[in-house]
């Protein structure tokens, strides 16, 4: 048995053609390993949820494609990506089980959106519909400007509510961060509250109002920021620490 806590990372594709970690999952792997965790990347199989949680001490729900709006009772927008039914079903079931079984979880970008939808919330399917074409912040800057993830420096400020759990975890209420999304939280699910926003009002973080050792959901991509980024380091360190502290399931 590993002496390190095992952290499961969800993703669409685990490995590239050469057998190495896929370029989209590799930054999460590095962030978890820097924080002291050992990585597993499970397949998107809803029947495997119990087995995944039996093996993993914590979870990262990673970024990726859009959640199928059928899961929150909406019709697919023209800008919403084609659905990935297997991934949607797996991650929704996984995050529900993680909440029930008190498994520490860090939800990132799509992961935040999955968590919100899994517990009864809804999403804005295309942020420009809300902000208009002249918005001060480009929330999907990587796609718009054709940047690679590692090339994208923080482009806006995140403001946390001083009383939020996340502000206490990070030790600050404002910091610069990145933005790689075109969807966002609309109606917040029961059991959550808004912990942080951008200056234009887009939800950037949710706090869990239910009892849980570590249930953190952020819209930005901490794994894509430099290793020196203190906010990112605290998010992953907090996850691994919670995995170490939580008794066996």
C-alpha atoms as a PDB file:
ATOM      1  CA  UNK A   1       0.000   0.000   0.000  1.00  0.00           C
ATOM      2  CA  UNK A   2       1.317   3.460  -0.915  1.00  0.00           C
ATOM      3  CA  UNK A   3       2.438   5.713   1.928  1.00  0.00           C
ATOM      4  CA  UNK A   4       1.202   8.684  -0.092  1.00  0.00           C
ATOM      5  CA  UNK A   5      -2.503   9.552  -0.356  1.00  0.00           C
ATOM      6  CA  UNK A   6      -3.932   8.437  -3.679  1.00  0.00           C
ATOM      7  CA  UNK A   7      -5.630  11.215  -5.652  1.00  0.00           C
ATOM      8  CA  UNK A   8      -7.914  10.318  -8.539  1.00  0.00           C
ATOM      9  CA  UNK A   9      -7.969  12.818 -11.406  1.00  0.00           C
ATOM     10  CA  UNK A  10     -10.870  12.738 -13.828  1.00  0.00           C
ATOM     11  CA  UNK A  11     -10.280  13.596 -17.469  1.00  0.00           C
ATOM     12  CA  UNK A  12     -11.449  12.810 -20.973  1.00  0.00           C
ATOM     13  CA  UNK A  13      -8.192  11.176 -22.070  1.00  0.00           C
ATOM     14  CA  UNK A  14      -5.478   9.934 -19.714  1.00  0.00           C
ATOM     15  CA  UNK A  15      -2.624   9.249 -22.127  1.00  0.00           C
ATOM     16  CA  UNK A  16      -1.289  10.570 -25.414  1.00  0.00           C
ATOM     17  CA  UNK A  17      -0.177   8.454 -28.395  1.00  0.00           C
ATOM     18  CA  UNK A  18       3.281   8.017 -26.861  1.00  0.00           C
ATOM     19  CA  UNK A  19       1.872   6.561 -23.641  1.00  0.00           C
ATOM     20  CA  UNK A  20       2.802   9.613 -21.545  1.00  0.00           C
ATOM     21  CA  UNK A  21       0.193  11.643 -19.712  1.00  0.00           C
ATOM     22  CA  UNK A  22      -2.034  13.528 -22.128  1.00  0.00           C
ATOM     23  CA  UNK A  23      -1.061  17.205 -22.362  1.00  0.00           C
ATOM     24  CA  UNK A  24      -4.355  18.254 -20.747  1.00  0.00           C
ATOM     25  CA  UNK A  25      -4.020  15.990 -17.704  1.00  0.00           C
ATOM     26  CA  UNK A  26      -0.250  16.336 -17.164  1.00  0.00           C
ATOM     27  CA  UNK A  27      -0.482  19.710 -15.331  1.00  0.00           C
ATOM     28  CA  UNK A  28      -2.925  18.211 -12.805  1.00  0.00           C
ATOM     29  CA  UNK A  29      -0.622  15.243 -12.290  1.00  0.00           C
ATOM     30  CA  UNK A  30       2.346  17.539 -11.631  1.00  0.00           C
ATOM     31  CA  UNK A  31       0.343  19.686  -9.206  1.00  0.00           C
ATOM     32  CA  UNK A  32      -0.871  16.686  -7.209  1.00  0.00           C
ATOM     33  CA  UNK A  33       2.587  15.116  -7.097  1.00  0.00           C
ATOM     34  CA  UNK A  34       4.173  18.399  -5.950  1.00  0.00           C
ATOM     35  CA  UNK A  35       1.658  18.460  -3.112  1.00  0.00           C
ATOM     36  CA  UNK A  36       2.666  14.946  -2.056  1.00  0.00           C
ATOM     37  CA  UNK A  37      -0.065  12.831  -3.620  1.00  0.00           C
ATOM     38  CA  UNK A  38       0.077   9.724  -5.784  1.00  0.00           C
ATOM     39  CA  UNK A  39      -2.030   9.903  -8.935  1.00  0.00           C
ATOM     40  CA  UNK A  40      -4.659   7.607 -10.412  1.00  0.00           C
ATOM     41  CA  UNK A  41      -6.622   8.510 -13.551  1.00  0.00           C
ATOM     42  CA  UNK A  42      -9.779   6.392 -13.712  1.00  0.00           C
ATOM     43  CA  UNK A  43     -11.758   5.573 -16.829  1.00  0.00           C
ATOM     44  CA  UNK A  44     -15.086   7.323 -17.340  1.00  0.00           C
ATOM     45  CA  UNK A  45     -17.178   4.343 -16.305  1.00  0.00           C
ATOM     46  CA  UNK A  46     -20.151   5.067 -14.072  1.00  0.00           C
ATOM     47  CA  UNK A  47     -20.160   1.448 -12.914  1.00  0.00           C
ATOM     48  CA  UNK A  48     -16.683   1.935 -11.416  1.00  0.00           C
ATOM     49  CA  UNK A  49     -17.547   4.699  -8.921  1.00  0.00           C
ATOM     50  CA  UNK A  50     -17.413   2.419  -5.878  1.00  0.00           C
ATOM     51  CA  UNK A  51     -14.108   0.928  -6.996  1.00  0.00           C
ATOM     52  CA  UNK A  52     -12.595   4.356  -7.655  1.00  0.00           C
ATOM     53  CA  UNK A  53     -13.569   5.632  -4.224  1.00  0.00           C
ATOM     54  CA  UNK A  54     -12.253   2.468  -2.602  1.00  0.00           C
ATOM     55  CA  UNK A  55      -8.848   3.160  -4.156  1.00  0.00           C
ATOM     56  CA  UNK A  56      -8.666   6.958  -3.919  1.00  0.00           C
ATOM     57  CA  UNK A  57      -8.222   9.082  -0.812  1.00  0.00           C
ATOM     58  CA  UNK A  58      -9.144  12.291  -2.663  1.00  0.00           C
ATOM     59  CA  UNK A  59     -10.313  13.476  -6.065  1.00  0.00           C
ATOM     60  CA  UNK A  60      -9.663  16.218  -8.591  1.00  0.00           C
ATOM     61  CA  UNK A  61     -12.525  16.862 -11.005  1.00  0.00           C
ATOM     62  CA  UNK A  62     -10.624  18.465 -13.840  1.00  0.00           C
ATOM     63  CA  UNK A  63     -11.480  20.880 -16.625  1.00  0.00           C
ATOM     64  CA  UNK A  64     -12.650  19.892 -20.069  1.00  0.00           C
ATOM     65  CA  UNK A  65     -15.666  19.969 -22.358  1.00  0.00           C
ATOM     66  CA  UNK A  66     -19.097  21.339 -21.568  1.00  0.00           C
ATOM     67  CA  UNK A  67     -21.573  19.465 -19.383  1.00  0.00           C
ATOM     68  CA  UNK A  68     -24.584  18.292 -21.385  1.00  0.00           C
ATOM     69  CA  UNK A  69     -27.372  20.798 -20.568  1.00  0.00           C
ATOM     70  CA  UNK A  70     -29.855  17.925 -20.425  1.00  0.00           C
ATOM     71  CA  UNK A  71     -28.529  17.391 -16.892  1.00  0.00           C
ATOM     72  CA  UNK A  72     -29.951  20.757 -15.808  1.00  0.00           C
ATOM     73  CA  UNK A  73     -33.069  20.804 -17.944  1.00  0.00           C
ATOM     74  CA  UNK A  74     -31.858  23.100 -20.733  1.00  0.00           C
ATOM     75  CA  UNK A  75     -31.635  22.917 -24.517  1.00  0.00           C
ATOM     76  CA  UNK A  76     -28.111  22.864 -25.943  1.00  0.00           C
ATOM     77  CA  UNK A  77     -26.869  26.300 -26.998  1.00  0.00           C
ATOM     78  CA  UNK A  78     -25.227  26.689 -30.413  1.00  0.00           C
ATOM     79  CA  UNK A  79     -21.889  27.386 -28.670  1.00  0.00           C
ATOM     80  CA  UNK A  80     -22.135  24.437 -26.270  1.00  0.00           C
ATOM     81  CA  UNK A  81     -19.796  21.609 -27.186  1.00  0.00           C
ATOM     82  CA  UNK A  82     -21.137  18.172 -28.151  1.00  0.00           C
ATOM     83  CA  UNK A  83     -21.714  16.112 -25.007  1.00  0.00           C
ATOM     84  CA  UNK A  84     -19.555  13.352 -23.590  1.00  0.00           C
ATOM     85  CA  UNK A  85     -22.242  11.162 -21.993  1.00  0.00           C
ATOM     86  CA  UNK A  86     -19.853   8.702 -20.354  1.00  0.00           C
ATOM     87  CA  UNK A  87     -17.794  11.415 -18.686  1.00  0.00           C
ATOM     88  CA  UNK A  88     -20.858  13.372 -17.560  1.00  0.00           C
ATOM     89  CA  UNK A  89     -22.491  10.311 -16.000  1.00  0.00           C
ATOM     90  CA  UNK A  90     -19.292   9.189 -14.296  1.00  0.00           C
ATOM     91  CA  UNK A  91     -18.333  12.552 -12.824  1.00  0.00           C
ATOM     92  CA  UNK A  92     -21.838  13.409 -11.639  1.00  0.00           C
ATOM     93  CA  UNK A  93     -22.134  10.065  -9.863  1.00  0.00           C
ATOM     94  CA  UNK A  94     -18.574  10.356  -8.521  1.00  0.00           C
ATOM     95  CA  UNK A  95     -18.987  13.818  -7.018  1.00  0.00           C
ATOM     96  CA  UNK A  96     -22.293  12.852  -5.405  1.00  0.00           C
ATOM     97  CA  UNK A  97     -20.679   9.813  -3.839  1.00  0.00           C
ATOM     98  CA  UNK A  98     -17.628  11.834  -2.752  1.00  0.00           C
ATOM     99  CA  UNK A  99     -19.879  14.255  -0.920  1.00  0.00           C
ATOM    100  CA  UNK A 100     -21.803  11.455   0.786  1.00  0.00           C
ATOM    101  CA  UNK A 101     -18.676   9.533   1.773  1.00  0.00           C
ATOM    102  CA  UNK A 102     -16.693  12.619   2.810  1.00  0.00           C
ATOM    103  CA  UNK A 103     -13.926  12.056   0.265  1.00  0.00           C
ATOM    104  CA  UNK A 104     -11.892  15.267  -0.203  1.00  0.00           C
ATOM    105  CA  UNK A 105     -12.456  16.791  -3.633  1.00  0.00           C
ATOM    106  CA  UNK A 106     -11.086  19.735  -5.597  1.00  0.00           C
ATOM    107  CA  UNK A 107     -13.343  20.745  -8.511  1.00  0.00           C
ATOM    108  CA  UNK A 108     -11.660  22.798 -11.250  1.00  0.00           C
ATOM    109  CA  UNK A 109     -13.403  24.681 -14.088  1.00  0.00           C
ATOM    110  CA  UNK A 110     -15.626  22.009 -15.656  1.00  0.00           C
ATOM    111  CA  UNK A 111     -15.337  20.248 -12.292  1.00  0.00           C
ATOM    112  CA  UNK A 112     -16.995  23.191 -10.543  1.00  0.00           C
ATOM    113  CA  UNK A 113     -19.725  23.153 -13.166  1.00  0.00           C
ATOM    114  CA  UNK A 114     -20.224  19.387 -12.776  1.00  0.00           C
ATOM    115  CA  UNK A 115     -20.562  19.778  -9.006  1.00  0.00           C
ATOM    116  CA  UNK A 116     -23.074  22.598  -9.361  1.00  0.00           C
ATOM    117  CA  UNK A 117     -25.159  20.608 -11.849  1.00  0.00           C
ATOM    118  CA  UNK A 118     -24.892  17.357  -9.865  1.00  0.00           C
ATOM    119  CA  UNK A 119     -26.599  18.959  -6.875  1.00  0.00           C
ATOM    120  CA  UNK A 120     -29.329  20.862  -8.698  1.00  0.00           C
ATOM    121  CA  UNK A 121     -27.738  24.043 -10.070  1.00  0.00           C
ATOM    122  CA  UNK A 122     -27.694  25.397 -13.620  1.00  0.00           C
ATOM    123  CA  UNK A 123     -25.122  26.926 -15.954  1.00  0.00           C
ATOM    124  CA  UNK A 124     -24.751  29.918 -18.238  1.00  0.00           C
ATOM    125  CA  UNK A 125     -24.049  28.114 -21.508  1.00  0.00           C
ATOM    126  CA  UNK A 126     -22.177  30.992 -23.144  1.00  0.00           C
ATOM    127  CA  UNK A 127     -20.758  33.798 -21.011  1.00  0.00           C
ATOM    128  CA  UNK A 128     -20.766  36.412 -23.836  1.00  0.00           C
ATOM    129  CA  UNK A 129     -24.567  36.133 -23.867  1.00  0.00           C
ATOM    130  CA  UNK A 130     -24.524  37.539 -20.334  1.00  0.00           C
ATOM    131  CA  UNK A 131     -21.684  40.042 -20.557  1.00  0.00           C
ATOM    132  CA  UNK A 132     -22.027  41.212 -24.149  1.00  0.00           C
ATOM    133  CA  UNK A 133     -19.364  41.616 -26.808  1.00  0.00           C
ATOM    134  CA  UNK A 134     -17.696  44.573 -25.124  1.00  0.00           C
ATOM    135  CA  UNK A 135     -16.921  42.795 -21.852  1.00  0.00           C
ATOM    136  CA  UNK A 136     -13.868  44.019 -19.956  1.00  0.00           C
ATOM    137  CA  UNK A 137     -12.693  40.470 -19.177  1.00  0.00           C
ATOM    138  CA  UNK A 138     -12.170  37.781 -21.814  1.00  0.00           C
ATOM    139  CA  UNK A 139     -13.121  34.638 -19.922  1.00  0.00           C
ATOM    140  CA  UNK A 140     -12.103  32.278 -22.726  1.00  0.00           C
ATOM    141  CA  UNK A 141      -8.815  33.950 -23.539  1.00  0.00           C
ATOM    142  CA  UNK A 142      -6.923  30.762 -24.400  1.00  0.00           C
ATOM    143  CA  UNK A 143      -9.438  29.849 -27.100  1.00  0.00           C
ATOM    144  CA  UNK A 144      -9.950  33.387 -28.380  1.00  0.00           C
ATOM    145  CA  UNK A 145      -6.262  34.227 -28.660  1.00  0.00           C
ATOM    146  CA  UNK A 146      -5.095  30.692 -29.573  1.00  0.00           C
ATOM    147  CA  UNK A 147      -2.714  30.509 -26.628  1.00  0.00           C
ATOM    148  CA  UNK A 148      -1.387  27.302 -25.143  1.00  0.00           C
ATOM    149  CA  UNK A 149      -2.370  26.765 -21.521  1.00  0.00           C
ATOM    150  CA  UNK A 150       1.187  27.217 -20.292  1.00  0.00           C
ATOM    151  CA  UNK A 151       1.459  30.529 -22.154  1.00  0.00           C
ATOM    152  CA  UNK A 152      -1.539  32.093 -20.435  1.00  0.00           C
ATOM    153  CA  UNK A 153      -0.675  34.359 -17.513  1.00  0.00           C
ATOM    154  CA  UNK A 154      -3.282  35.588 -15.024  1.00  0.00           C
ATOM    155  CA  UNK A 155      -5.652  37.939 -16.803  1.00  0.00           C
ATOM    156  CA  UNK A 156      -8.152  39.061 -14.184  1.00  0.00           C
ATOM    157  CA  UNK A 157      -8.730  39.410 -10.455  1.00  0.00           C
ATOM    158  CA  UNK A 158     -10.710  36.987  -8.311  1.00  0.00           C
ATOM    159  CA  UNK A 159     -12.401  38.534  -5.279  1.00  0.00           C
ATOM    160  CA  UNK A 160     -13.366  36.245  -2.409  1.00  0.00           C
ATOM    161  CA  UNK A 161     -15.917  36.960   0.256  1.00  0.00           C
ATOM    162  CA  UNK A 162     -13.940  37.589   3.449  1.00  0.00           C
ATOM    163  CA  UNK A 163     -16.153  35.200   5.426  1.00  0.00           C
ATOM    164  CA  UNK A 164     -15.797  32.356   2.910  1.00  0.00           C
ATOM    165  CA  UNK A 165     -14.077  29.067   3.698  1.00  0.00           C
ATOM    166  CA  UNK A 166     -11.940  29.561   0.612  1.00  0.00           C
ATOM    167  CA  UNK A 167     -10.649  32.938   1.825  1.00  0.00           C
ATOM    168  CA  UNK A 168      -9.619  31.305   5.086  1.00  0.00           C
ATOM    169  CA  UNK A 169      -7.903  28.468   3.237  1.00  0.00           C
ATOM    170  CA  UNK A 170      -5.981  30.780   0.920  1.00  0.00           C
ATOM    171  CA  UNK A 171      -5.286  33.499   3.476  1.00  0.00           C
ATOM    172  CA  UNK A 172      -6.404  36.292   1.131  1.00  0.00           C
ATOM    173  CA  UNK A 173      -9.485  37.814  -0.435  1.00  0.00           C
ATOM    174  CA  UNK A 174      -8.104  38.996  -3.787  1.00  0.00           C
ATOM    175  CA  UNK A 175      -5.566  37.670  -6.270  1.00  0.00           C
ATOM    176  CA  UNK A 176      -4.849  37.522  -9.998  1.00  0.00           C
ATOM    177  CA  UNK A 177      -5.799  34.378 -11.854  1.00  0.00           C
ATOM    178  CA  UNK A 178      -6.375  32.858 -15.284  1.00  0.00           C
ATOM    179  CA  UNK A 179      -9.538  32.279 -17.306  1.00  0.00           C
ATOM    180  CA  UNK A 180     -10.213  29.399 -19.703  1.00  0.00           C
ATOM    181  CA  UNK A 181     -13.982  28.960 -19.904  1.00  0.00           C
ATOM    182  CA  UNK A 182     -17.014  30.086 -21.857  1.00  0.00           C
ATOM    183  CA  UNK A 183     -19.591  28.666 -19.436  1.00  0.00           C
ATOM    184  CA  UNK A 184     -20.219  29.558 -15.800  1.00  0.00           C
ATOM    185  CA  UNK A 185     -22.474  28.984 -12.817  1.00  0.00           C
ATOM    186  CA  UNK A 186     -25.959  30.428 -13.193  1.00  0.00           C
ATOM    187  CA  UNK A 187     -28.275  29.215 -10.414  1.00  0.00           C
ATOM    188  CA  UNK A 188     -26.213  27.976  -7.478  1.00  0.00           C
ATOM    189  CA  UNK A 189     -27.113  24.483  -6.286  1.00  0.00           C
ATOM    190  CA  UNK A 190     -28.525  23.915  -2.808  1.00  0.00           C
ATOM    191  CA  UNK A 191     -25.687  23.138  -0.426  1.00  0.00           C
ATOM    192  CA  UNK A 192     -23.364  25.732  -1.946  1.00  0.00           C
ATOM    193  CA  UNK A 193     -22.839  29.455  -1.764  1.00  0.00           C
ATOM    194  CA  UNK A 194     -20.808  31.836  -3.895  1.00  0.00           C
ATOM    195  CA  UNK A 195     -17.347  32.273  -2.397  1.00  0.00           C
ATOM    196  CA  UNK A 196     -15.809  34.457  -5.092  1.00  0.00           C
ATOM    197  CA  UNK A 197     -16.423  36.332  -8.326  1.00  0.00           C
ATOM    198  CA  UNK A 198     -14.620  38.322 -10.981  1.00  0.00           C
ATOM    199  CA  UNK A 199     -15.239  42.086 -11.073  1.00  0.00           C
ATOM    200  CA  UNK A 200     -17.858  41.527 -13.796  1.00  0.00           C
ATOM    201  CA  UNK A 201     -19.846  39.171 -11.571  1.00  0.00           C
ATOM    202  CA  UNK A 202     -18.977  35.757 -13.004  1.00  0.00           C
ATOM    203  CA  UNK A 203     -18.852  33.100 -10.273  1.00  0.00           C
ATOM    204  CA  UNK A 204     -15.259  32.012  -9.674  1.00  0.00           C
ATOM    205  CA  UNK A 205     -15.626  29.816  -6.594  1.00  0.00           C
ATOM    206  CA  UNK A 206     -18.228  27.968  -4.547  1.00  0.00           C
ATOM    207  CA  UNK A 207     -18.174  27.146  -0.850  1.00  0.00           C
ATOM    208  CA  UNK A 208     -19.896  24.010   0.432  1.00  0.00           C
ATOM    209  CA  UNK A 209     -22.386  24.771   3.186  1.00  0.00           C
ATOM    210  CA  UNK A 210     -22.620  21.079   4.156  1.00  0.00           C
ATOM    211  CA  UNK A 211     -20.202  19.357   6.524  1.00  0.00           C
ATOM    212  CA  UNK A 212     -17.247  17.972   4.609  1.00  0.00           C
ATOM    213  CA  UNK A 213     -13.478  17.715   5.198  1.00  0.00           C
ATOM    214  CA  UNK A 214     -12.563  19.404   1.882  1.00  0.00           C
ATOM    215  CA  UNK A 215     -14.977  20.276  -0.891  1.00  0.00           C
ATOM    216  CA  UNK A 216     -13.488  23.142  -2.893  1.00  0.00           C
ATOM    217  CA  UNK A 217     -14.749  24.309  -6.293  1.00  0.00           C
ATOM    218  CA  UNK A 218     -12.994  26.955  -8.413  1.00  0.00           C
ATOM    219  CA  UNK A 219     -13.605  28.192 -11.957  1.00  0.00           C
ATOM    220  CA  UNK A 220     -10.004  29.083 -12.817  1.00  0.00           C
ATOM    221  CA  UNK A 221      -7.185  26.627 -13.590  1.00  0.00           C
ATOM    222  CA  UNK A 222      -4.696  26.504 -10.699  1.00  0.00           C
ATOM    223  CA  UNK A 223      -2.850  23.560 -12.256  1.00  0.00           C
ATOM    224  CA  UNK A 224      -1.928  25.712 -15.277  1.00  0.00           C
ATOM    225  CA  UNK A 225      -0.299  28.482 -13.243  1.00  0.00           C
ATOM    226  CA  UNK A 226       3.411  28.494 -12.384  1.00  0.00           C
ATOM    227  CA  UNK A 227       4.699  26.315  -9.565  1.00  0.00           C
ATOM    228  CA  UNK A 228       5.462  29.520  -7.658  1.00  0.00           C
ATOM    229  CA  UNK A 229       1.785  30.531  -7.536  1.00  0.00           C
ATOM    230  CA  UNK A 230       0.911  30.400  -3.835  1.00  0.00           C
ATOM    231  CA  UNK A 231      -2.865  30.207  -4.305  1.00  0.00           C
ATOM    232  CA  UNK A 232      -2.541  27.156  -6.553  1.00  0.00           C
ATOM    233  CA  UNK A 233      -0.127  25.467  -4.175  1.00  0.00           C
ATOM    234  CA  UNK A 234      -2.484  25.952  -1.235  1.00  0.00           C
ATOM    235  CA  UNK A 235      -5.425  24.446  -3.122  1.00  0.00           C
ATOM    236  CA  UNK A 236      -3.564  21.233  -3.929  1.00  0.00           C
ATOM    237  CA  UNK A 237      -1.760  21.095  -0.582  1.00  0.00           C
ATOM    238  CA  UNK A 238      -5.098  21.463   1.186  1.00  0.00           C
ATOM    239  CA  UNK A 239      -6.550  18.578  -0.810  1.00  0.00           C
ATOM    240  CA  UNK A 240      -3.657  16.256  -0.029  1.00  0.00           C
ATOM    241  CA  UNK A 241      -3.642  17.270   3.643  1.00  0.00           C
ATOM    242  CA  UNK A 242      -7.353  16.503   3.892  1.00  0.00           C
ATOM    243  CA  UNK A 243      -6.768  13.130   2.241  1.00  0.00           C
ATOM    244  CA  UNK A 244      -4.149  12.332   4.879  1.00  0.00           C
ATOM    245  CA  UNK A 245      -6.340  13.468   7.763  1.00  0.00           C
ATOM    246  CA  UNK A 246      -9.612  11.827   6.745  1.00  0.00           C
ATOM    247  CA  UNK A 247     -10.153   8.331   8.214  1.00  0.00           C
ATOM    248  CA  UNK A 248     -10.374   5.386   5.831  1.00  0.00           C
ATOM    249  CA  UNK A 249     -13.686   5.012   4.033  1.00  0.00           C
END
